[in-house]
Amino acid sequence: ILAMLVFIAGSFLGAAAQSTETLLIARVGQGAAAGLVTPISMVVTAQVFPIQQRGMAMGLMGVGTILADDPSLTVRESRFEVGGRIRQPKIVVLDSSGRTPENARIFVSAGGVQIEAAEAGEQRVSLPALLERLGHAQFNEVLVEAGPTVVGAFLEAQLWDEMVLYLAPKFLGASARAMADFNITRMIDAFGAKIAATEMVGGDIRITLTRT
């Protein structure tokens, strides 16, 4: 949440900058904040979900993440075996334009892949309707491992219960992708959360947030 607040503050400062020096400071702040957040894909699933529920977990992402990173989103470490096998989560891809490649690495997942497209006349998948369908299908956990568009949509709609952030001592420039894409220009409008837990993971910090 700190990285998000710093990035938003940098954006506001950059928009209001009256000099090159101020703009440079704002851009440095944005780059530092963006570099704090390093996503770790399905390792989060294995570490966050109770071992009895991993087979009922579902990973959700947008097609942009597949095109940019081509992740496999599989749990591979043997220490997460249950009954001698690793129960892979099912993967849902939000893709209203049919851009998911047939040879994408997600299709090797033993948990299965489900492509979701928007309803006729709509540009994007309705997230509340999607989550309702998944609930009826007996999925009790949904992990959103996605890019800024999908993450931003979930945050704006308040469709989240818990967020896991990994803060790494890395610095990126102004062109780095933001963690979430939504239009907030005032600090008073920023999303809030409660820090539920912190833990060192190697040289990074894992912060678990819950809704306030």
C-alpha atoms as a PDB file:
ATOM      1  CA  ILE A   1       0.000   0.000   0.000  1.00  0.00           C
ATOM      2  CA  LEU A   2       2.973   2.287   0.676  1.00  0.00           C
ATOM      3  CA  ALA A   3       4.200   1.805  -2.880  1.00  0.00           C
ATOM      4  CA  MET A   4       0.750   2.646  -4.239  1.00  0.00           C
ATOM      5  CA  LEU A   5       0.534   5.824  -2.164  1.00  0.00           C
ATOM      6  CA  VAL A   6       4.025   6.945  -3.172  1.00  0.00           C
ATOM      7  CA  PHE A   7       3.257   6.311  -6.849  1.00  0.00           C
ATOM      8  CA  ILE A   8      -0.014   8.257  -6.631  1.00  0.00           C
ATOM      9  CA  ALA A   9       1.738  11.120  -4.846  1.00  0.00           C
ATOM     10  CA  GLY A  10       4.448  11.142  -7.524  1.00  0.00           C
ATOM     11  CA  SER A  11       1.810  11.243 -10.255  1.00  0.00           C
ATOM     12  CA  PHE A  12       0.051  14.176  -8.603  1.00  0.00           C
ATOM     13  CA  LEU A  13       3.323  16.022  -8.053  1.00  0.00           C
ATOM     14  CA  GLY A  14       4.376  15.441 -11.675  1.00  0.00           C
ATOM     15  CA  ALA A  15       1.059  16.754 -12.998  1.00  0.00           C
ATOM     16  CA  ALA A  16       1.404  19.891 -10.891  1.00  0.00           C
ATOM     17  CA  ALA A  17       5.129  20.402 -11.522  1.00  0.00           C
ATOM     18  CA  GLN A  18       6.153  23.929 -12.457  1.00  0.00           C
ATOM     19  CA  SER A  19       9.831  23.168 -13.012  1.00  0.00           C
ATOM     20  CA  THR A  20      12.073  20.469 -14.443  1.00  0.00           C
ATOM     21  CA  GLU A  21      13.522  19.769 -10.998  1.00  0.00           C
ATOM     22  CA  THR A  22      10.099  19.109  -9.488  1.00  0.00           C
ATOM     23  CA  LEU A  23       9.126  16.884 -12.404  1.00  0.00           C
ATOM     24  CA  LEU A  24      12.369  14.918 -12.025  1.00  0.00           C
ATOM     25  CA  ILE A  25      11.712  14.367  -8.314  1.00  0.00           C
ATOM     26  CA  ALA A  26       8.178  13.199  -9.103  1.00  0.00           C
ATOM     27  CA  ARG A  27       9.428  10.753 -11.749  1.00  0.00           C
ATOM     28  CA  VAL A  28      12.069   9.348  -9.408  1.00  0.00           C
ATOM     29  CA  GLY A  29       9.384   8.815  -6.773  1.00  0.00           C
ATOM     30  CA  GLN A  30       7.157   7.031  -9.283  1.00  0.00           C
ATOM     31  CA  GLY A  31       9.994   4.801 -10.423  1.00  0.00           C
ATOM     32  CA  ALA A  32      10.999   3.887  -6.891  1.00  0.00           C
ATOM     33  CA  ALA A  33       7.405   3.045  -5.958  1.00  0.00           C
ATOM     34  CA  ALA A  34       6.844   0.939  -9.075  1.00  0.00           C
ATOM     35  CA  GLY A  35      10.028  -1.000  -8.397  1.00  0.00           C
ATOM     36  CA  LEU A  36       8.921  -1.948  -4.886  1.00  0.00           C
ATOM     37  CA  VAL A  37       6.233  -4.318  -6.117  1.00  0.00           C
ATOM     38  CA  THR A  38       7.493  -7.551  -7.674  1.00  0.00           C
ATOM     39  CA  PRO A  39       4.785 -10.108  -8.473  1.00  0.00           C
ATOM     40  CA  ILE A  40       5.417 -13.764  -7.689  1.00  0.00           C
ATOM     41  CA  SER A  41       2.874 -15.890  -9.509  1.00  0.00           C
ATOM     42  CA  MET A  42       1.654 -19.240  -8.268  1.00  0.00           C
ATOM     43  CA  VAL A  43       4.127 -19.412  -5.385  1.00  0.00           C
ATOM     44  CA  VAL A  44       1.623 -17.085  -3.725  1.00  0.00           C
ATOM     45  CA  THR A  45      -1.099 -19.689  -4.173  1.00  0.00           C
ATOM     46  CA  ALA A  46       0.997 -22.368  -2.524  1.00  0.00           C
ATOM     47  CA  GLN A  47       1.957 -20.160   0.402  1.00  0.00           C
ATOM     48  CA  VAL A  48      -1.296 -18.294   1.020  1.00  0.00           C
ATOM     49  CA  PHE A  49      -4.013 -20.926   0.611  1.00  0.00           C
ATOM     50  CA  PRO A  50      -4.510 -23.588   3.299  1.00  0.00           C
ATOM     51  CA  ILE A  51      -3.189 -26.916   2.068  1.00  0.00           C
ATOM     52  CA  GLN A  52      -6.673 -28.489   2.133  1.00  0.00           C
ATOM     53  CA  GLN A  53      -8.087 -25.776  -0.154  1.00  0.00           C
ATOM     54  CA  ARG A  54      -5.478 -25.569  -2.890  1.00  0.00           C
ATOM     55  CA  GLY A  55      -7.443 -27.903  -5.131  1.00  0.00           C
ATOM     56  CA  MET A  56     -10.441 -25.558  -4.907  1.00  0.00           C
ATOM     57  CA  ALA A  57      -8.430 -22.420  -5.634  1.00  0.00           C
ATOM     58  CA  MET A  58      -8.613 -20.617  -8.938  1.00  0.00           C
ATOM     59  CA  GLY A  59      -6.117 -18.322 -10.608  1.00  0.00           C
ATOM     60  CA  LEU A  60      -7.492 -15.417 -12.646  1.00  0.00           C
ATOM     61  CA  MET A  61      -5.635 -13.205 -15.103  1.00  0.00           C
ATOM     62  CA  GLY A  62      -6.139 -11.032 -18.161  1.00  0.00           C
ATOM     63  CA  VAL A  63      -4.973 -11.932 -21.647  1.00  0.00           C
ATOM     64  CA  GLY A  64      -2.479  -9.041 -21.486  1.00  0.00           C
ATOM     65  CA  THR A  65      -0.456 -10.937 -18.874  1.00  0.00           C
ATOM     66  CA  ILE A  66      -0.326 -14.005 -21.127  1.00  0.00           C
ATOM     67  CA  LEU A  67       0.821 -11.966 -24.133  1.00  0.00           C
ATOM     68  CA  ALA A  68       3.429 -10.099 -22.079  1.00  0.00           C
ATOM     69  CA  ASP A  69       4.844 -12.881 -19.885  1.00  0.00           C
ATOM     70  CA  ASP A  70       3.437 -16.244 -21.105  1.00  0.00           C
ATOM     71  CA  PRO A  71       3.366 -17.668 -17.544  1.00  0.00           C
ATOM     72  CA  SER A  72       2.585 -21.290 -16.759  1.00  0.00           C
ATOM     73  CA  LEU A  73       1.025 -20.536 -13.347  1.00  0.00           C
ATOM     74  CA  THR A  74       1.659 -23.994 -11.978  1.00  0.00           C
ATOM     75  CA  VAL A  75       2.725 -25.093  -8.491  1.00  0.00           C
ATOM     76  CA  ARG A  76       5.887 -27.147  -8.874  1.00  0.00           C
ATOM     77  CA  GLU A  77       7.519 -27.599  -5.458  1.00  0.00           C
ATOM     78  CA  SER A  78       7.127 -31.125  -4.069  1.00  0.00           C
ATOM     79  CA  ARG A  79       6.616 -29.817  -0.513  1.00  0.00           C
ATOM     80  CA  PHE A  80       3.113 -28.769  -1.569  1.00  0.00           C
ATOM     81  CA  GLU A  81       2.026 -32.286  -2.482  1.00  0.00           C
ATOM     82  CA  VAL A  82      -1.266 -33.528  -1.048  1.00  0.00           C
ATOM     83  CA  GLY A  83      -1.772 -37.281  -1.115  1.00  0.00           C
ATOM     84  CA  GLY A  84       1.275 -37.764  -3.305  1.00  0.00           C
ATOM     85  CA  ARG A  85       0.321 -35.216  -5.966  1.00  0.00           C
ATOM     86  CA  ILE A  86       0.219 -31.465  -6.446  1.00  0.00           C
ATOM     87  CA  ARG A  87      -3.323 -30.229  -6.944  1.00  0.00           C
ATOM     88  CA  GLN A  88      -3.131 -27.437  -9.504  1.00  0.00           C
ATOM     89  CA  PRO A  89      -5.585 -24.518  -9.427  1.00  0.00           C
ATOM     90  CA  LYS A  90      -7.881 -23.925 -12.368  1.00  0.00           C
ATOM     91  CA  ILE A  91      -6.964 -20.881 -14.461  1.00  0.00           C
ATOM     92  CA  VAL A  92      -9.454 -18.322 -15.773  1.00  0.00           C
ATOM     93  CA  VAL A  93      -8.378 -15.914 -18.518  1.00  0.00           C
ATOM     94  CA  LEU A  94     -10.311 -12.712 -19.219  1.00  0.00           C
ATOM     95  CA  ASP A  95     -10.131 -12.450 -23.017  1.00  0.00           C
ATOM     96  CA  SER A  96     -12.963 -10.728 -24.879  1.00  0.00           C
ATOM     97  CA  SER A  97     -10.977 -10.397 -28.112  1.00  0.00           C
ATOM     98  CA  GLY A  98      -9.828 -13.992 -28.603  1.00  0.00           C
ATOM     99  CA  ARG A  99      -6.119 -13.155 -28.358  1.00  0.00           C
ATOM    100  CA  THR A 100      -5.000 -16.058 -26.142  1.00  0.00           C
ATOM    101  CA  PRO A 101      -2.434 -18.053 -28.197  1.00  0.00           C
ATOM    102  CA  GLU A 102      -3.175 -21.754 -28.639  1.00  0.00           C
ATOM    103  CA  ASN A 103       0.391 -22.573 -27.571  1.00  0.00           C
ATOM    104  CA  ALA A 104       0.274 -20.465 -24.382  1.00  0.00           C
ATOM    105  CA  ARG A 105       2.026 -22.166 -21.464  1.00  0.00           C
ATOM    106  CA  ILE A 106      -1.079 -21.996 -19.260  1.00  0.00           C
ATOM    107  CA  PHE A 107      -2.618 -24.828 -21.297  1.00  0.00           C
ATOM    108  CA  VAL A 108      -0.184 -27.315 -19.740  1.00  0.00           C
ATOM    109  CA  SER A 109      -1.856 -26.806 -16.342  1.00  0.00           C
ATOM    110  CA  ALA A 110      -3.447 -29.973 -14.970  1.00  0.00           C
ATOM    111  CA  GLY A 111      -6.036 -27.789 -13.265  1.00  0.00           C
ATOM    112  CA  GLY A 112      -7.590 -26.749 -16.570  1.00  0.00           C
ATOM    113  CA  VAL A 113      -8.088 -23.401 -18.314  1.00  0.00           C
ATOM    114  CA  GLN A 114     -11.308 -21.442 -18.767  1.00  0.00           C
ATOM    115  CA  ILE A 115     -11.519 -18.503 -21.203  1.00  0.00           C
ATOM    116  CA  GLU A 116     -14.043 -15.816 -20.269  1.00  0.00           C
ATOM    117  CA  ALA A 117     -15.317 -13.257 -22.798  1.00  0.00           C
ATOM    118  CA  ALA A 118     -17.590 -10.240 -22.362  1.00  0.00           C
ATOM    119  CA  GLU A 119     -21.309 -10.492 -22.966  1.00  0.00           C
ATOM    120  CA  ALA A 120     -22.678  -9.278 -26.304  1.00  0.00           C
ATOM    121  CA  GLY A 121     -22.549  -5.497 -26.498  1.00  0.00           C
ATOM    122  CA  GLU A 122     -20.052  -5.217 -23.632  1.00  0.00           C
ATOM    123  CA  GLN A 123     -16.338  -4.458 -23.920  1.00  0.00           C
ATOM    124  CA  ARG A 124     -15.173  -6.150 -20.715  1.00  0.00           C
ATOM    125  CA  VAL A 125     -16.095  -9.158 -18.640  1.00  0.00           C
ATOM    126  CA  SER A 126     -18.434  -8.310 -15.756  1.00  0.00           C
ATOM    127  CA  LEU A 127     -16.365  -9.155 -12.681  1.00  0.00           C
ATOM    128  CA  PRO A 128     -19.303  -9.402 -10.223  1.00  0.00           C
ATOM    129  CA  ALA A 129     -21.141 -11.773 -12.589  1.00  0.00           C
ATOM    130  CA  LEU A 130     -17.986 -13.826 -13.119  1.00  0.00           C
ATOM    131  CA  LEU A 131     -17.344 -14.221  -9.398  1.00  0.00           C
ATOM    132  CA  GLU A 132     -20.962 -15.227  -8.855  1.00  0.00           C
ATOM    133  CA  ARG A 133     -20.611 -17.963 -11.502  1.00  0.00           C
ATOM    134  CA  LEU A 134     -17.400 -19.206  -9.932  1.00  0.00           C
ATOM    135  CA  GLY A 135     -19.073 -19.322  -6.533  1.00  0.00           C
ATOM    136  CA  HIS A 136     -21.908 -21.427  -7.924  1.00  0.00           C
ATOM    137  CA  ALA A 137     -19.240 -23.732  -9.387  1.00  0.00           C
ATOM    138  CA  GLN A 138     -17.944 -24.357  -5.822  1.00  0.00           C
ATOM    139  CA  PHE A 139     -14.720 -22.351  -6.094  1.00  0.00           C
ATOM    140  CA  ASN A 140     -14.122 -20.799  -2.691  1.00  0.00           C
ATOM    141  CA  GLU A 141     -10.870 -18.939  -3.423  1.00  0.00           C
ATOM    142  CA  VAL A 142      -9.893 -16.796  -6.423  1.00  0.00           C
ATOM    143  CA  LEU A 143      -6.322 -15.564  -6.774  1.00  0.00           C
ATOM    144  CA  VAL A 144      -5.988 -12.613  -9.144  1.00  0.00           C
ATOM    145  CA  GLU A 145      -2.497 -12.753 -10.669  1.00  0.00           C
ATOM    146  CA  ALA A 146      -2.815 -10.173 -13.398  1.00  0.00           C
ATOM    147  CA  GLY A 147      -1.600  -6.935 -14.893  1.00  0.00           C
ATOM    148  CA  PRO A 148      -2.620  -3.383 -13.946  1.00  0.00           C
ATOM    149  CA  THR A 149      -5.886  -3.358 -15.933  1.00  0.00           C
ATOM    150  CA  VAL A 150      -7.459  -6.381 -14.232  1.00  0.00           C
ATOM    151  CA  VAL A 151      -5.988  -5.611 -10.796  1.00  0.00           C
ATOM    152  CA  GLY A 152      -7.229  -2.038 -11.057  1.00  0.00           C
ATOM    153  CA  ALA A 153     -10.712  -3.217 -12.029  1.00  0.00           C
ATOM    154  CA  PHE A 154     -10.923  -5.502  -8.986  1.00  0.00           C
ATOM    155  CA  LEU A 155      -9.722  -2.744  -6.663  1.00  0.00           C
ATOM    156  CA  GLU A 156     -12.087  -0.111  -8.053  1.00  0.00           C
ATOM    157  CA  ALA A 157     -15.039  -2.486  -7.707  1.00  0.00           C
ATOM    158  CA  GLN A 158     -13.953  -3.452  -4.159  1.00  0.00           C
ATOM    159  CA  LEU A 159     -14.031  -7.109  -5.195  1.00  0.00           C
ATOM    160  CA  TRP A 160     -11.189  -8.261  -2.993  1.00  0.00           C
ATOM    161  CA  ASP A 161     -10.722  -9.550   0.531  1.00  0.00           C
ATOM    162  CA  GLU A 162      -6.959  -9.941   0.807  1.00  0.00           C
ATOM    163  CA  MET A 163      -3.944  -8.634  -1.084  1.00  0.00           C
ATOM    164  CA  VAL A 164      -0.395  -9.976  -0.946  1.00  0.00           C
ATOM    165  CA  LEU A 165       2.337  -7.503  -1.948  1.00  0.00           C
ATOM    166  CA  TYR A 166       6.012  -8.305  -2.411  1.00  0.00           C
ATOM    167  CA  LEU A 167       8.307  -5.315  -1.906  1.00  0.00           C
ATOM    168  CA  ALA A 168      11.731  -5.714  -3.465  1.00  0.00           C
ATOM    169  CA  PRO A 169      14.708  -3.317  -3.204  1.00  0.00           C
ATOM    170  CA  LYS A 170      14.585  -2.542  -6.923  1.00  0.00           C
ATOM    171  CA  PHE A 171      14.222   0.762  -8.746  1.00  0.00           C
ATOM    172  CA  LEU A 172      12.520   1.223 -12.124  1.00  0.00           C
ATOM    173  CA  GLY A 173      12.023   4.263 -14.306  1.00  0.00           C
ATOM    174  CA  ALA A 174       8.961   6.321 -15.187  1.00  0.00           C
ATOM    175  CA  SER A 175       7.940   3.968 -18.014  1.00  0.00           C
ATOM    176  CA  ALA A 176       7.546   0.977 -15.646  1.00  0.00           C
ATOM    177  CA  ARG A 177       4.084  -0.585 -15.510  1.00  0.00           C
ATOM    178  CA  ALA A 178       1.999   0.380 -12.505  1.00  0.00           C
ATOM    179  CA  MET A 179       0.623  -2.335 -10.214  1.00  0.00           C
ATOM    180  CA  ALA A 180      -2.967  -1.182 -10.761  1.00  0.00           C
ATOM    181  CA  ASP A 181      -4.515   1.024 -13.433  1.00  0.00           C
ATOM    182  CA  PHE A 182      -7.190   3.352 -12.096  1.00  0.00           C
ATOM    183  CA  ASN A 183      -7.737   7.080 -12.226  1.00  0.00           C
ATOM    184  CA  ILE A 184      -7.066   8.551  -8.783  1.00  0.00           C
ATOM    185  CA  THR A 185      -5.504  11.992  -8.591  1.00  0.00           C
ATOM    186  CA  ARG A 186      -6.240  13.026  -4.995  1.00  0.00           C
ATOM    187  CA  MET A 187      -4.773  11.431  -1.887  1.00  0.00           C
ATOM    188  CA  ILE A 188      -8.156  11.655  -0.168  1.00  0.00           C
ATOM    189  CA  ASP A 189      -9.602   9.293  -2.799  1.00  0.00           C
ATOM    190  CA  ALA A 190      -6.833   6.680  -2.440  1.00  0.00           C
ATOM    191  CA  PHE A 191      -7.870   3.137  -1.544  1.00  0.00           C
ATOM    192  CA  GLY A 192      -7.127   2.106   2.021  1.00  0.00           C
ATOM    193  CA  ALA A 193      -6.290  -1.256   3.552  1.00  0.00           C
ATOM    194  CA  LYS A 194      -5.204  -2.825   6.836  1.00  0.00           C
ATOM    195  CA  ILE A 195      -1.796  -4.468   7.217  1.00  0.00           C
ATOM    196  CA  ALA A 196      -2.564  -7.953   8.524  1.00  0.00           C
ATOM    197  CA  ALA A 197       0.943  -9.466   8.397  1.00  0.00           C
ATOM    198  CA  THR A 198       4.506  -8.853   7.238  1.00  0.00           C
ATOM    199  CA  GLU A 199       7.231 -11.415   6.557  1.00  0.00           C
ATOM    200  CA  MET A 200      10.706 -11.444   5.047  1.00  0.00           C
ATOM    201  CA  VAL A 201      10.979 -13.693   1.962  1.00  0.00           C
ATOM    202  CA  GLY A 202      14.645 -13.833   1.035  1.00  0.00           C
ATOM    203  CA  GLY A 203      15.620 -10.229   0.449  1.00  0.00           C
ATOM    204  CA  ASP A 204      12.013  -9.104  -0.128  1.00  0.00           C
ATOM    205  CA  ILE A 205       9.149  -8.222   2.193  1.00  0.00           C
ATOM    206  CA  ARG A 206       5.758  -9.853   1.869  1.00  0.00           C
ATOM    207  CA  ILE A 207       2.885  -7.706   3.129  1.00  0.00           C
ATOM    208  CA  THR A 208      -0.581  -9.150   3.560  1.00  0.00           C
ATOM    209  CA  LEU A 209      -3.373  -6.559   3.393  1.00  0.00           C
ATOM    210  CA  THR A 210      -7.069  -6.874   4.180  1.00  0.00           C
ATOM    211  CA  ARG A 211      -9.906  -4.507   3.389  1.00  0.00           C
ATOM    212  CA  THR A 212     -10.762  -1.866   5.941  1.00  0.00           C
END
